[in-house]
Amino acid sequence: MAKVTITLDTEDMQLTEDFKSVGQLVTMLKAATNIPSAPYMTKSEVARFMGLKSVTPVDKWIKKGLPVVKIDGMNTLIKRQTLIDWLAEHETTE
């Protein structure tokens, strides 16, 4: 499990109503620490990393040229930095 350290400067910090609940903060921290951190991710991990509800967009990206690593022709892995670079190449101002 990854170690997470959070430092809050309470002198400058004004908490909004959305974040006053300790329960909400705990939920947010759990979600933040659930993001995959390995250099290679499965399609499901990519979806979770990107905040997607399914792998369907990831499959579409692969069809559009997102580089992948195929293991034994079955397991598809995507390198984190390759994903980030590929998305940056496809940024638009629309």
C-alpha atoms as a PDB file:
ATOM      1  CA  MET A   1       0.000   0.000   0.000  1.00  0.00           C
ATOM      2  CA  ALA A   2       1.245   3.493  -0.856  1.00  0.00           C
ATOM      3  CA  LYS A   3       2.052   5.918   1.932  1.00  0.00           C
ATOM      4  CA  VAL A   4       0.163   9.207   1.652  1.00  0.00           C
ATOM      5  CA  THR A   5       1.193  12.327   3.540  1.00  0.00           C
ATOM      6  CA  ILE A   6      -1.073  15.370   3.558  1.00  0.00           C
ATOM      7  CA  THR A   7      -0.110  18.751   4.938  1.00  0.00           C
ATOM      8  CA  LEU A   8      -2.793  21.377   5.457  1.00  0.00           C
ATOM      9  CA  ASP A   9      -2.058  25.036   6.114  1.00  0.00           C
ATOM     10  CA  THR A  10      -5.058  25.923   8.236  1.00  0.00           C
ATOM     11  CA  GLU A  11      -4.134  29.603   8.506  1.00  0.00           C
ATOM     12  CA  ASP A  12      -4.725  30.207   4.797  1.00  0.00           C
ATOM     13  CA  MET A  13      -7.301  27.491   4.272  1.00  0.00           C
ATOM     14  CA  GLN A  14     -11.019  28.112   4.266  1.00  0.00           C
ATOM     15  CA  LEU A  15     -12.972  24.893   4.011  1.00  0.00           C
ATOM     16  CA  THR A  16     -16.092  24.979   1.891  1.00  0.00           C
ATOM     17  CA  GLU A  17     -19.285  23.229   2.899  1.00  0.00           C
ATOM     18  CA  ASP A  18     -18.430  20.369   0.507  1.00  0.00           C
ATOM     19  CA  PHE A  19     -15.290  19.432   2.425  1.00  0.00           C
ATOM     20  CA  LYS A  20     -16.293  20.014   6.034  1.00  0.00           C
ATOM     21  CA  SER A  21     -17.545  16.493   6.430  1.00  0.00           C
ATOM     22  CA  VAL A  22     -14.813  14.168   7.623  1.00  0.00           C
ATOM     23  CA  GLY A  23     -16.595  11.310   5.884  1.00  0.00           C
ATOM     24  CA  GLN A  24     -16.360  13.061   2.528  1.00  0.00           C
ATOM     25  CA  LEU A  25     -12.677  13.740   3.048  1.00  0.00           C
ATOM     26  CA  VAL A  26     -12.009  10.094   3.925  1.00  0.00           C
ATOM     27  CA  THR A  27     -13.898   8.977   0.812  1.00  0.00           C
ATOM     28  CA  MET A  28     -11.866  11.348  -1.354  1.00  0.00           C
ATOM     29  CA  LEU A  29      -8.588  10.122   0.139  1.00  0.00           C
ATOM     30  CA  LYS A  30      -9.546   6.494  -0.419  1.00  0.00           C
ATOM     31  CA  ALA A  31     -10.403   7.252  -4.042  1.00  0.00           C
ATOM     32  CA  ALA A  32      -7.142   9.145  -4.549  1.00  0.00           C
ATOM     33  CA  THR A  33      -5.053   6.292  -3.170  1.00  0.00           C
ATOM     34  CA  ASN A  34      -6.935   3.749  -5.308  1.00  0.00           C
ATOM     35  CA  ILE A  35      -5.421   5.165  -8.511  1.00  0.00           C
ATOM     36  CA  PRO A  36      -2.951   2.689 -10.009  1.00  0.00           C
ATOM     37  CA  SER A  37       0.686   3.734  -9.667  1.00  0.00           C
ATOM     38  CA  ALA A  38       2.518   0.932 -11.501  1.00  0.00           C
ATOM     39  CA  PRO A  39       4.351   1.899 -14.706  1.00  0.00           C
ATOM     40  CA  TYR A  40       2.132  -0.457 -16.739  1.00  0.00           C
ATOM     41  CA  MET A  41      -1.648  -0.677 -16.360  1.00  0.00           C
ATOM     42  CA  THR A  42      -4.410  -2.939 -17.593  1.00  0.00           C
ATOM     43  CA  LYS A  43      -7.301  -1.402 -19.524  1.00  0.00           C
ATOM     44  CA  SER A  44      -9.388  -1.440 -16.337  1.00  0.00           C
ATOM     45  CA  GLU A  45      -6.640   0.350 -14.430  1.00  0.00           C
ATOM     46  CA  VAL A  46      -6.344   2.941 -17.210  1.00  0.00           C
ATOM     47  CA  ALA A  47     -10.086   3.542 -16.997  1.00  0.00           C
ATOM     48  CA  ARG A  48      -9.861   4.009 -13.233  1.00  0.00           C
ATOM     49  CA  PHE A  49      -6.772   6.243 -13.619  1.00  0.00           C
ATOM     50  CA  MET A  50      -8.707   8.439 -16.058  1.00  0.00           C
ATOM     51  CA  GLY A  51     -11.878   8.467 -13.943  1.00  0.00           C
ATOM     52  CA  LEU A  52     -13.897   6.536 -16.525  1.00  0.00           C
ATOM     53  CA  LYS A  53     -16.796   4.227 -15.704  1.00  0.00           C
ATOM     54  CA  SER A  54     -15.847   1.563 -18.261  1.00  0.00           C
ATOM     55  CA  VAL A  55     -13.018   0.452 -20.538  1.00  0.00           C
ATOM     56  CA  THR A  56     -14.984   1.335 -23.690  1.00  0.00           C
ATOM     57  CA  PRO A  57     -13.188   4.673 -24.226  1.00  0.00           C
ATOM     58  CA  VAL A  58      -9.837   2.928 -23.652  1.00  0.00           C
ATOM     59  CA  ASP A  59     -10.712   0.361 -26.335  1.00  0.00           C
ATOM     60  CA  LYS A  60     -11.554   3.225 -28.721  1.00  0.00           C
ATOM     61  CA  TRP A  61      -8.234   4.938 -27.960  1.00  0.00           C
ATOM     62  CA  ILE A  62      -6.400   1.688 -28.741  1.00  0.00           C
ATOM     63  CA  LYS A  63      -8.218   1.469 -32.092  1.00  0.00           C
ATOM     64  CA  LYS A  64      -7.165   5.081 -32.758  1.00  0.00           C
ATOM     65  CA  GLY A  65      -3.511   4.239 -32.155  1.00  0.00           C
ATOM     66  CA  LEU A  66      -2.788   4.259 -28.411  1.00  0.00           C
ATOM     67  CA  PRO A  67       0.317   2.033 -28.127  1.00  0.00           C
ATOM     68  CA  VAL A  68      -0.101  -1.115 -26.041  1.00  0.00           C
ATOM     69  CA  VAL A  69       1.957  -4.082 -24.925  1.00  0.00           C
ATOM     70  CA  LYS A  70       0.388  -7.477 -25.664  1.00  0.00           C
ATOM     71  CA  ILE A  71       1.440 -10.396 -23.487  1.00  0.00           C
ATOM     72  CA  ASP A  72       0.767 -13.818 -25.021  1.00  0.00           C
ATOM     73  CA  GLY A  73      -1.712 -12.114 -27.365  1.00  0.00           C
ATOM     74  CA  MET A  74      -4.204 -11.867 -24.515  1.00  0.00           C
ATOM     75  CA  ASN A  75      -3.213  -9.446 -21.774  1.00  0.00           C
ATOM     76  CA  THR A  76      -3.106  -5.823 -22.904  1.00  0.00           C
ATOM     77  CA  LEU A  77      -0.921  -3.458 -20.898  1.00  0.00           C
ATOM     78  CA  ILE A  78      -0.531   0.278 -21.366  1.00  0.00           C
ATOM     79  CA  LYS A  79       2.494   2.178 -20.133  1.00  0.00           C
ATOM     80  CA  ARG A  80       1.416   5.114 -17.941  1.00  0.00           C
ATOM     81  CA  GLN A  81       3.801   7.632 -19.550  1.00  0.00           C
ATOM     82  CA  THR A  82       2.841   6.457 -23.046  1.00  0.00           C
ATOM     83  CA  LEU A  83      -0.821   7.081 -22.203  1.00  0.00           C
ATOM     84  CA  ILE A  84      -0.047  10.562 -20.867  1.00  0.00           C
ATOM     85  CA  ASP A  85       2.078  11.404 -23.919  1.00  0.00           C
ATOM     86  CA  TRP A  86      -0.525  10.031 -26.348  1.00  0.00           C
ATOM     87  CA  LEU A  87      -3.301  12.050 -24.722  1.00  0.00           C
ATOM     88  CA  ALA A  88      -1.133  15.192 -24.849  1.00  0.00           C
ATOM     89  CA  GLU A  89      -0.592  14.631 -28.582  1.00  0.00           C
ATOM     90  CA  HIS A  90      -4.373  14.561 -29.047  1.00  0.00           C
ATOM     91  CA  GLU A  91      -5.180  17.742 -27.130  1.00  0.00           C
ATOM     92  CA  THR A  92      -7.303  20.279 -28.987  1.00  0.00           C
ATOM     93  CA  THR A  93      -8.687  23.715 -28.246  1.00  0.00           C
ATOM     94  CA  GLU A  94     -12.275  22.772 -29.135  1.00  0.00           C
END
